[in-house]
Amino acid sequence: MALSIGAHVDQEDPIGQARERGATLSQIFLGDPQSYKGPVVRYPGGAEALKAAAQDAGVDLYVHAPYPINVASLNNRIRIPGRKLLQQHVTAAAEIGAKGVVVHGGHLGVDEDAAKGFDNWRKCIDGLDLPVPLLIENTAGGDNAMARRLEAIERLWDAVGRAGGAENVGFCLDTCHAFAGGLDLATVVDDVRAVTGRIDLVHANDSRDEADSGADRHTNFGSGTIDAEAVAAVVLAAGAPVVCETPGGTAGQAADIARLRELVG
């Protein structure tokens, strides 16, 4: 298959880093991934220059939203700033011509009412302007997570489907998160599609930890607990663009991209 594949790279030169990895796409953060501060485009010349350079090079861009965003939270001090920050990143992603913005599904405390968290997702989508697709990513850990177990993903998708703008919400499937979250990689693509109707992006990562461990720790293909062939099978079944979020910088990610291309044929 013609595989559109790349890696998560630094935002200063995502075009050059794609070339170094033999990639056709780059996923980036816009600003500090651990902060509530707004997005920053560090590419020389700003958003318009990055958009033009990516188009000229034939490199697709994806943006990963900051990790603190948890729009499901019942805590106003977390949920409300998170919604605002997510909107800022979606707007900035549109300005650089990104194909989508990836955001984690979020979680609640163990004793909190999950139904309220799912409804907070509905309210969030209702209030967002989505000039580019928002791709909700499955997560590895948390007993009250919004997108770990299939049952939760089904409830999440039901809530999102009742929101205005739901057609602009897609799904990002992470292989490490799925494996560590207790999902069966052999059936996960069909299982997720049965719920969401779509998979828009795949995060192809090996896992340092065992199945259903709840640990979100990525590693390079062949050095973790997932067979590389199993990751490749997910990629083939999903038929969506692929991001390797693996360590090792240029060399490690280039090797993972080459290995994946070899396996998918």
C-alpha atoms as a PDB file:
ATOM      1  CA  MET A   1       0.000   0.000   0.000  1.00  0.00           C
ATOM      2  CA  ALA A   2       1.073   3.609  -0.464  1.00  0.00           C
ATOM      3  CA  LEU A   3       1.774   4.445   3.162  1.00  0.00           C
ATOM      4  CA  SER A   4       1.711   8.053   4.312  1.00  0.00           C
ATOM      5  CA  ILE A   5       4.009   7.801   7.284  1.00  0.00           C
ATOM      6  CA  GLY A   6       6.047  10.107   9.465  1.00  0.00           C
ATOM      7  CA  ALA A   7       7.018  10.854  13.024  1.00  0.00           C
ATOM      8  CA  HIS A   8       6.505  13.230  15.891  1.00  0.00           C
ATOM      9  CA  VAL A   9       9.256  15.825  15.512  1.00  0.00           C
ATOM     10  CA  ASP A  10      10.321  19.209  16.844  1.00  0.00           C
ATOM     11  CA  GLN A  11       8.324  22.056  15.348  1.00  0.00           C
ATOM     12  CA  GLU A  12      11.293  24.254  14.424  1.00  0.00           C
ATOM     13  CA  ASP A  13      11.825  22.426  11.104  1.00  0.00           C
ATOM     14  CA  PRO A  14       9.222  19.695  10.553  1.00  0.00           C
ATOM     15  CA  ILE A  15       9.875  19.729   6.805  1.00  0.00           C
ATOM     16  CA  GLY A  16      13.597  19.078   7.102  1.00  0.00           C
ATOM     17  CA  GLN A  17      13.023  16.467   9.772  1.00  0.00           C
ATOM     18  CA  ALA A  18      10.528  14.651   7.575  1.00  0.00           C
ATOM     19  CA  ARG A  19      13.124  14.503   4.807  1.00  0.00           C
ATOM     20  CA  GLU A  20      15.768  13.174   7.231  1.00  0.00           C
ATOM     21  CA  ARG A  21      13.435  10.347   8.225  1.00  0.00           C
ATOM     22  CA  GLY A  22      12.269   9.499   4.710  1.00  0.00           C
ATOM     23  CA  ALA A  23       8.803  10.637   5.791  1.00  0.00           C
ATOM     24  CA  THR A  24       5.826  12.289   4.138  1.00  0.00           C
ATOM     25  CA  LEU A  25       4.250  13.756   7.262  1.00  0.00           C
ATOM     26  CA  SER A  26       5.252  15.339  10.550  1.00  0.00           C
ATOM     27  CA  GLN A  27       3.348  15.634  13.805  1.00  0.00           C
ATOM     28  CA  ILE A  28       4.341  18.532  16.047  1.00  0.00           C
ATOM     29  CA  PHE A  29       3.468  20.390  19.215  1.00  0.00           C
ATOM     30  CA  LEU A  30       2.790  24.094  18.895  1.00  0.00           C
ATOM     31  CA  GLY A  31       4.353  25.379  22.099  1.00  0.00           C
ATOM     32  CA  ASP A  32       4.963  23.654  25.425  1.00  0.00           C
ATOM     33  CA  PRO A  33       3.147  20.283  25.573  1.00  0.00           C
ATOM     34  CA  GLN A  34       3.004  20.419  29.376  1.00  0.00           C
ATOM     35  CA  SER A  35       1.650  23.968  29.657  1.00  0.00           C
ATOM     36  CA  TYR A  36      -1.643  25.834  29.480  1.00  0.00           C
ATOM     37  CA  LYS A  37       0.094  28.620  27.563  1.00  0.00           C
ATOM     38  CA  GLY A  38      -1.230  29.252  24.083  1.00  0.00           C
ATOM     39  CA  PRO A  39       0.263  27.884  20.860  1.00  0.00           C
ATOM     40  CA  VAL A  40       3.477  29.264  19.420  1.00  0.00           C
ATOM     41  CA  VAL A  41       4.712  28.721  15.835  1.00  0.00           C
ATOM     42  CA  ARG A  42       8.511  28.686  15.930  1.00  0.00           C
ATOM     43  CA  TYR A  43       9.057  28.014  12.234  1.00  0.00           C
ATOM     44  CA  PRO A  44      10.997  30.898  10.604  1.00  0.00           C
ATOM     45  CA  GLY A  45       8.461  33.182   8.964  1.00  0.00           C
ATOM     46  CA  GLY A  46       5.578  31.922  11.103  1.00  0.00           C
ATOM     47  CA  ALA A  47       2.406  30.056  10.243  1.00  0.00           C
ATOM     48  CA  GLU A  48       2.060  31.122   6.609  1.00  0.00           C
ATOM     49  CA  ALA A  49       5.673  30.226   5.846  1.00  0.00           C
ATOM     50  CA  LEU A  50       5.275  26.795   7.433  1.00  0.00           C
ATOM     51  CA  LYS A  51       2.041  26.158   5.545  1.00  0.00           C
ATOM     52  CA  ALA A  52       3.653  27.106   2.226  1.00  0.00           C
ATOM     53  CA  ALA A  53       6.816  25.083   2.897  1.00  0.00           C
ATOM     54  CA  ALA A  54       4.829  21.980   3.818  1.00  0.00           C
ATOM     55  CA  GLN A  55       2.677  22.255   0.708  1.00  0.00           C
ATOM     56  CA  ASP A  56       5.727  22.743  -1.515  1.00  0.00           C
ATOM     57  CA  ALA A  57       7.473  19.734   0.034  1.00  0.00           C
ATOM     58  CA  GLY A  58       4.407  17.499  -0.022  1.00  0.00           C
ATOM     59  CA  VAL A  59       4.609  17.005   3.753  1.00  0.00           C
ATOM     60  CA  ASP A  60       1.346  16.703   5.687  1.00  0.00           C
ATOM     61  CA  LEU A  61       1.306  18.312   9.128  1.00  0.00           C
ATOM     62  CA  TYR A  62      -0.569  17.148  12.213  1.00  0.00           C
ATOM     63  CA  VAL A  63      -0.684  18.952  15.557  1.00  0.00           C
ATOM     64  CA  HIS A  64      -0.758  17.205  18.922  1.00  0.00           C
ATOM     65  CA  ALA A  65      -2.597  19.210  21.563  1.00  0.00           C
ATOM     66  CA  PRO A  66      -0.934  19.772  24.965  1.00  0.00           C
ATOM     67  CA  TYR A  67      -1.164  16.949  27.495  1.00  0.00           C
ATOM     68  CA  PRO A  68      -2.879  18.878  30.336  1.00  0.00           C
ATOM     69  CA  ILE A  69      -6.056  19.295  28.276  1.00  0.00           C
ATOM     70  CA  ASN A  70      -8.843  17.231  29.846  1.00  0.00           C
ATOM     71  CA  VAL A  71     -12.178  18.534  28.592  1.00  0.00           C
ATOM     72  CA  ALA A  72     -14.020  15.690  30.334  1.00  0.00           C
ATOM     73  CA  SER A  73     -12.944  16.892  33.788  1.00  0.00           C
ATOM     74  CA  LEU A  74     -15.568  17.815  36.374  1.00  0.00           C
ATOM     75  CA  ASN A  75     -13.140  20.418  37.771  1.00  0.00           C
ATOM     76  CA  ASN A  76     -13.911  23.826  36.254  1.00  0.00           C
ATOM     77  CA  ARG A  77     -10.302  24.922  36.735  1.00  0.00           C
ATOM     78  CA  ILE A  78      -9.157  22.093  34.470  1.00  0.00           C
ATOM     79  CA  ARG A  79     -12.042  21.762  32.019  1.00  0.00           C
ATOM     80  CA  ILE A  80     -12.643  25.413  31.105  1.00  0.00           C
ATOM     81  CA  PRO A  81      -8.979  26.380  30.492  1.00  0.00           C
ATOM     82  CA  GLY A  82      -8.596  23.109  28.586  1.00  0.00           C
ATOM     83  CA  ARG A  83     -11.441  23.947  26.216  1.00  0.00           C
ATOM     84  CA  LYS A  84      -9.985  27.392  25.590  1.00  0.00           C
ATOM     85  CA  LEU A  85      -6.519  25.981  24.968  1.00  0.00           C
ATOM     86  CA  LEU A  86      -7.881  23.311  22.628  1.00  0.00           C
ATOM     87  CA  GLN A  87      -9.670  25.958  20.558  1.00  0.00           C
ATOM     88  CA  GLN A  88      -6.458  27.972  20.338  1.00  0.00           C
ATOM     89  CA  HIS A  89      -4.527  24.960  19.062  1.00  0.00           C
ATOM     90  CA  VAL A  90      -7.201  24.025  16.531  1.00  0.00           C
ATOM     91  CA  THR A  91      -7.172  27.594  15.196  1.00  0.00           C
ATOM     92  CA  ALA A  92      -3.363  27.637  15.027  1.00  0.00           C
ATOM     93  CA  ALA A  93      -3.355  24.245  13.310  1.00  0.00           C
ATOM     94  CA  ALA A  94      -5.640  25.606  10.601  1.00  0.00           C
ATOM     95  CA  GLU A  95      -3.257  28.531  10.096  1.00  0.00           C
ATOM     96  CA  ILE A  96      -0.346  26.180   9.334  1.00  0.00           C
ATOM     97  CA  GLY A  97      -2.496  24.006   7.074  1.00  0.00           C
ATOM     98  CA  ALA A  98      -2.507  20.993   9.395  1.00  0.00           C
ATOM     99  CA  LYS A  99      -4.635  17.980   8.517  1.00  0.00           C
ATOM    100  CA  GLY A 100      -5.877  17.530  12.068  1.00  0.00           C
ATOM    101  CA  VAL A 101      -5.351  18.072  15.792  1.00  0.00           C
ATOM    102  CA  VAL A 102      -4.857  15.075  18.075  1.00  0.00           C
ATOM    103  CA  VAL A 103      -6.156  15.298  21.651  1.00  0.00           C
ATOM    104  CA  HIS A 104      -6.328  12.670  24.371  1.00  0.00           C
ATOM    105  CA  GLY A 105      -9.727  11.440  25.497  1.00  0.00           C
ATOM    106  CA  GLY A 106      -9.120  12.458  29.100  1.00  0.00           C
ATOM    107  CA  HIS A 107     -10.296  10.896  32.346  1.00  0.00           C
ATOM    108  CA  LEU A 108     -12.175  11.427  35.592  1.00  0.00           C
ATOM    109  CA  GLY A 109     -11.388  10.486  39.166  1.00  0.00           C
ATOM    110  CA  VAL A 110     -12.215   6.909  40.131  1.00  0.00           C
ATOM    111  CA  ASP A 111     -15.321   7.895  42.129  1.00  0.00           C
ATOM    112  CA  GLU A 112     -16.613  10.527  39.690  1.00  0.00           C
ATOM    113  CA  ASP A 113     -19.632   9.999  37.433  1.00  0.00           C
ATOM    114  CA  ALA A 114     -18.370   9.008  33.981  1.00  0.00           C
ATOM    115  CA  ALA A 115     -21.659  10.103  32.401  1.00  0.00           C
ATOM    116  CA  LYS A 116     -20.846  13.700  33.306  1.00  0.00           C
ATOM    117  CA  GLY A 117     -17.436  13.372  31.693  1.00  0.00           C
ATOM    118  CA  PHE A 118     -18.885  12.086  28.447  1.00  0.00           C
ATOM    119  CA  ASP A 119     -21.434  14.901  28.458  1.00  0.00           C
ATOM    120  CA  ASN A 120     -18.636  17.396  28.998  1.00  0.00           C
ATOM    121  CA  TRP A 121     -17.178  16.123  25.743  1.00  0.00           C
ATOM    122  CA  ARG A 122     -20.504  16.828  24.027  1.00  0.00           C
ATOM    123  CA  LYS A 123     -20.522  20.349  25.427  1.00  0.00           C
ATOM    124  CA  CYS A 124     -16.918  20.862  24.343  1.00  0.00           C
ATOM    125  CA  ILE A 125     -17.575  19.865  20.734  1.00  0.00           C
ATOM    126  CA  ASP A 126     -20.739  21.995  20.724  1.00  0.00           C
ATOM    127  CA  GLY A 127     -18.646  25.017  21.645  1.00  0.00           C
ATOM    128  CA  LEU A 128     -15.664  24.493  19.346  1.00  0.00           C
ATOM    129  CA  ASP A 129     -15.055  26.006  15.937  1.00  0.00           C
ATOM    130  CA  LEU A 130     -13.374  23.202  13.991  1.00  0.00           C
ATOM    131  CA  PRO A 131     -11.738  24.463  10.788  1.00  0.00           C
ATOM    132  CA  VAL A 132      -9.618  21.267  10.872  1.00  0.00           C
ATOM    133  CA  PRO A 133     -10.622  17.832  12.176  1.00  0.00           C
ATOM    134  CA  LEU A 134     -10.248  17.104  15.873  1.00  0.00           C
ATOM    135  CA  LEU A 135      -8.921  13.566  16.336  1.00  0.00           C
ATOM    136  CA  ILE A 136      -9.638  12.010  19.727  1.00  0.00           C
ATOM    137  CA  GLU A 137      -6.926   9.547  20.745  1.00  0.00           C
ATOM    138  CA  ASN A 138      -7.397   6.404  22.802  1.00  0.00           C
ATOM    139  CA  THR A 139      -5.406   6.319  26.021  1.00  0.00           C
ATOM    140  CA  ALA A 140      -3.521   3.602  27.899  1.00  0.00           C
ATOM    141  CA  GLY A 141      -4.349   4.128  31.554  1.00  0.00           C
ATOM    142  CA  GLY A 142      -7.017   5.104  34.032  1.00  0.00           C
ATOM    143  CA  ASP A 143      -9.960   3.096  35.306  1.00  0.00           C
ATOM    144  CA  ASN A 144     -12.300   6.019  34.588  1.00  0.00           C
ATOM    145  CA  ALA A 145     -10.781   7.066  31.263  1.00  0.00           C
ATOM    146  CA  MET A 146     -12.979   8.360  28.454  1.00  0.00           C
ATOM    147  CA  ALA A 147     -11.158   6.487  25.664  1.00  0.00           C
ATOM    148  CA  ARG A 148      -9.362   3.445  27.060  1.00  0.00           C
ATOM    149  CA  ARG A 149     -11.860   0.577  26.949  1.00  0.00           C
ATOM    150  CA  LEU A 150     -14.162  -0.057  23.994  1.00  0.00           C
ATOM    151  CA  GLU A 151     -17.202   0.459  26.196  1.00  0.00           C
ATOM    152  CA  ALA A 152     -15.942   3.915  27.118  1.00  0.00           C
ATOM    153  CA  ILE A 153     -15.132   4.796  23.509  1.00  0.00           C
ATOM    154  CA  GLU A 154     -18.691   3.817  22.584  1.00  0.00           C
ATOM    155  CA  ARG A 155     -20.133   6.098  25.261  1.00  0.00           C
ATOM    156  CA  LEU A 156     -17.772   8.883  24.213  1.00  0.00           C
ATOM    157  CA  TRP A 157     -18.774   8.576  20.569  1.00  0.00           C
ATOM    158  CA  ASP A 158     -22.433   8.555  21.445  1.00  0.00           C
ATOM    159  CA  ALA A 159     -21.959  11.812  23.372  1.00  0.00           C
ATOM    160  CA  VAL A 160     -19.866  13.440  20.633  1.00  0.00           C
ATOM    161  CA  GLY A 161     -22.438  12.384  18.037  1.00  0.00           C
ATOM    162  CA  ARG A 162     -25.061  14.501  19.762  1.00  0.00           C
ATOM    163  CA  ALA A 163     -22.946  17.642  19.422  1.00  0.00           C
ATOM    164  CA  GLY A 164     -23.029  20.199  16.663  1.00  0.00           C
ATOM    165  CA  GLY A 165     -19.916  19.770  14.523  1.00  0.00           C
ATOM    166  CA  ALA A 166     -19.595  16.045  15.253  1.00  0.00           C
ATOM    167  CA  GLU A 167     -18.804  15.419  11.591  1.00  0.00           C
ATOM    168  CA  ASN A 168     -15.483  17.225  12.161  1.00  0.00           C
ATOM    169  CA  VAL A 169     -14.445  14.848  14.965  1.00  0.00           C
ATOM    170  CA  GLY A 170     -12.346  11.811  14.084  1.00  0.00           C
ATOM    171  CA  PHE A 171     -10.368   9.094  15.832  1.00  0.00           C
ATOM    172  CA  CYS A 172      -6.638   8.543  16.337  1.00  0.00           C
ATOM    173  CA  LEU A 173      -5.706   4.949  17.178  1.00  0.00           C
ATOM    174  CA  ASP A 174      -2.481   4.498  19.163  1.00  0.00           C
ATOM    175  CA  THR A 175      -1.127   0.928  19.127  1.00  0.00           C
ATOM    176  CA  CYS A 176       0.863   1.268  22.365  1.00  0.00           C
ATOM    177  CA  HIS A 177      -2.120   2.802  24.161  1.00  0.00           C
ATOM    178  CA  ALA A 178      -4.455   0.127  22.805  1.00  0.00           C
ATOM    179  CA  PHE A 179      -2.162  -2.744  23.830  1.00  0.00           C
ATOM    180  CA  ALA A 180      -1.352  -1.300  27.257  1.00  0.00           C
ATOM    181  CA  GLY A 181      -5.002  -0.333  27.673  1.00  0.00           C
ATOM    182  CA  GLY A 182      -6.160  -3.913  27.314  1.00  0.00           C
ATOM    183  CA  LEU A 183      -7.487  -3.882  23.756  1.00  0.00           C
ATOM    184  CA  ASP A 184      -6.832  -6.754  21.331  1.00  0.00           C
ATOM    185  CA  LEU A 185      -4.608  -5.507  18.503  1.00  0.00           C
ATOM    186  CA  ALA A 186      -5.809  -8.345  16.283  1.00  0.00           C
ATOM    187  CA  THR A 187      -9.334  -6.925  16.240  1.00  0.00           C
ATOM    188  CA  VAL A 188      -8.937  -3.344  17.426  1.00  0.00           C
ATOM    189  CA  VAL A 189      -9.382  -1.708  14.029  1.00  0.00           C
ATOM    190  CA  ASP A 190     -12.681  -3.486  13.382  1.00  0.00           C
ATOM    191  CA  ASP A 191     -13.741  -2.985  17.001  1.00  0.00           C
ATOM    192  CA  VAL A 192     -13.078   0.769  16.923  1.00  0.00           C
ATOM    193  CA  ARG A 193     -14.613   1.239  13.488  1.00  0.00           C
ATOM    194  CA  ALA A 194     -17.750  -0.560  14.659  1.00  0.00           C
ATOM    195  CA  VAL A 195     -18.105   2.227  17.230  1.00  0.00           C
ATOM    196  CA  THR A 196     -16.750   5.319  15.480  1.00  0.00           C
ATOM    197  CA  GLY A 197     -17.162   4.466  11.812  1.00  0.00           C
ATOM    198  CA  ARG A 198     -13.679   5.850  11.150  1.00  0.00           C
ATOM    199  CA  ILE A 199      -9.981   5.842  11.976  1.00  0.00           C
ATOM    200  CA  ASP A 200      -8.283   9.002  10.718  1.00  0.00           C
ATOM    201  CA  LEU A 201      -4.742   8.560  12.028  1.00  0.00           C
ATOM    202  CA  VAL A 202      -2.632   5.774  13.527  1.00  0.00           C
ATOM    203  CA  HIS A 203       0.068   6.308  16.133  1.00  0.00           C
ATOM    204  CA  ALA A 204       2.288   3.296  15.455  1.00  0.00           C
ATOM    205  CA  ASN A 205       4.318   2.599  18.586  1.00  0.00           C
ATOM    206  CA  ASP A 206       5.750  -0.407  20.374  1.00  0.00           C
ATOM    207  CA  SER A 207       5.105  -0.674  24.134  1.00  0.00           C
ATOM    208  CA  ARG A 208       7.725  -1.032  26.857  1.00  0.00           C
ATOM    209  CA  ASP A 209       5.116  -2.649  29.119  1.00  0.00           C
ATOM    210  CA  GLU A 210       2.851  -5.661  29.010  1.00  0.00           C
ATOM    211  CA  ALA A 211      -0.704  -5.894  27.709  1.00  0.00           C
ATOM    212  CA  ASP A 212      -3.329  -4.213  29.915  1.00  0.00           C
ATOM    213  CA  SER A 213      -0.578  -2.676  32.087  1.00  0.00           C
ATOM    214  CA  GLY A 214      -2.117   0.788  31.798  1.00  0.00           C
ATOM    215  CA  ALA A 215       1.354   2.224  31.163  1.00  0.00           C
ATOM    216  CA  ASP A 216       1.857   4.778  28.373  1.00  0.00           C
ATOM    217  CA  ARG A 217       5.498   4.135  27.524  1.00  0.00           C
ATOM    218  CA  HIS A 218       6.447   4.009  23.861  1.00  0.00           C
ATOM    219  CA  THR A 219       9.501   2.315  22.448  1.00  0.00           C
ATOM    220  CA  ASN A 220      11.012   1.432  19.077  1.00  0.00           C
ATOM    221  CA  PHE A 221       9.785  -1.524  17.039  1.00  0.00           C
ATOM    222  CA  GLY A 222      11.385  -4.757  18.170  1.00  0.00           C
ATOM    223  CA  SER A 223      12.496  -3.471  21.563  1.00  0.00           C
ATOM    224  CA  GLY A 224       9.160  -3.713  23.368  1.00  0.00           C
ATOM    225  CA  THR A 225       6.365  -6.180  24.004  1.00  0.00           C
ATOM    226  CA  ILE A 226       4.365  -5.852  20.758  1.00  0.00           C
ATOM    227  CA  ASP A 227       5.350  -7.814  17.664  1.00  0.00           C
ATOM    228  CA  ALA A 228       6.197  -5.397  14.871  1.00  0.00           C
ATOM    229  CA  GLU A 229       4.041  -7.535  12.603  1.00  0.00           C
ATOM    230  CA  ALA A 230       1.051  -6.831  14.847  1.00  0.00           C
ATOM    231  CA  VAL A 231       1.622  -3.087  14.551  1.00  0.00           C
ATOM    232  CA  ALA A 232       1.932  -3.423  10.780  1.00  0.00           C
ATOM    233  CA  ALA A 233      -1.329  -5.385  10.663  1.00  0.00           C
ATOM    234  CA  VAL A 234      -3.103  -2.543  12.480  1.00  0.00           C
ATOM    235  CA  VAL A 235      -1.644  -0.042  10.009  1.00  0.00           C
ATOM    236  CA  LEU A 236      -2.751  -2.116   7.030  1.00  0.00           C
ATOM    237  CA  ALA A 237      -6.250  -2.638   8.401  1.00  0.00           C
ATOM    238  CA  ALA A 238      -6.708   1.026   9.311  1.00  0.00           C
ATOM    239  CA  GLY A 239      -5.459   2.358   5.966  1.00  0.00           C
ATOM    240  CA  ALA A 240      -4.863   5.768   7.561  1.00  0.00           C
ATOM    241  CA  PRO A 241      -1.802   8.041   7.768  1.00  0.00           C
ATOM    242  CA  VAL A 242       0.741   6.933  10.371  1.00  0.00           C
ATOM    243  CA  VAL A 243       2.833   8.718  12.987  1.00  0.00           C
ATOM    244  CA  CYS A 244       5.686   6.994  14.812  1.00  0.00           C
ATOM    245  CA  GLU A 245       6.031   8.530  18.272  1.00  0.00           C
ATOM    246  CA  THR A 246       9.083   6.481  19.121  1.00  0.00           C
ATOM    247  CA  PRO A 247      12.386   7.508  20.744  1.00  0.00           C
ATOM    248  CA  GLY A 248      15.869   7.693  19.278  1.00  0.00           C
ATOM    249  CA  GLY A 249      15.626  10.944  17.337  1.00  0.00           C
ATOM    250  CA  THR A 250      16.229  10.857  13.607  1.00  0.00           C
ATOM    251  CA  ALA A 251      18.000   7.489  13.558  1.00  0.00           C
ATOM    252  CA  GLY A 252      15.482   5.668  15.747  1.00  0.00           C
ATOM    253  CA  GLN A 253      12.434   7.026  13.971  1.00  0.00           C
ATOM    254  CA  ALA A 254      13.915   6.571  10.495  1.00  0.00           C
ATOM    255  CA  ALA A 255      14.575   2.918  11.331  1.00  0.00           C
ATOM    256  CA  ASP A 256      11.014   2.482  12.597  1.00  0.00           C
ATOM    257  CA  ILE A 257       9.554   4.097   9.483  1.00  0.00           C
ATOM    258  CA  ALA A 258      11.707   1.911   7.225  1.00  0.00           C
ATOM    259  CA  ARG A 259      10.753  -1.221   9.186  1.00  0.00           C
ATOM    260  CA  LEU A 260       7.063  -0.407   8.994  1.00  0.00           C
ATOM    261  CA  ARG A 261       7.271   0.244   5.252  1.00  0.00           C
ATOM    262  CA  GLU A 262       9.013  -3.106   4.815  1.00  0.00           C
ATOM    263  CA  LEU A 263       6.311  -4.923   6.753  1.00  0.00           C
ATOM    264  CA  VAL A 264       3.338  -3.357   5.003  1.00  0.00           C
ATOM    265  CA  GLY A 265       4.871  -3.919   1.581  1.00  0.00           C
END
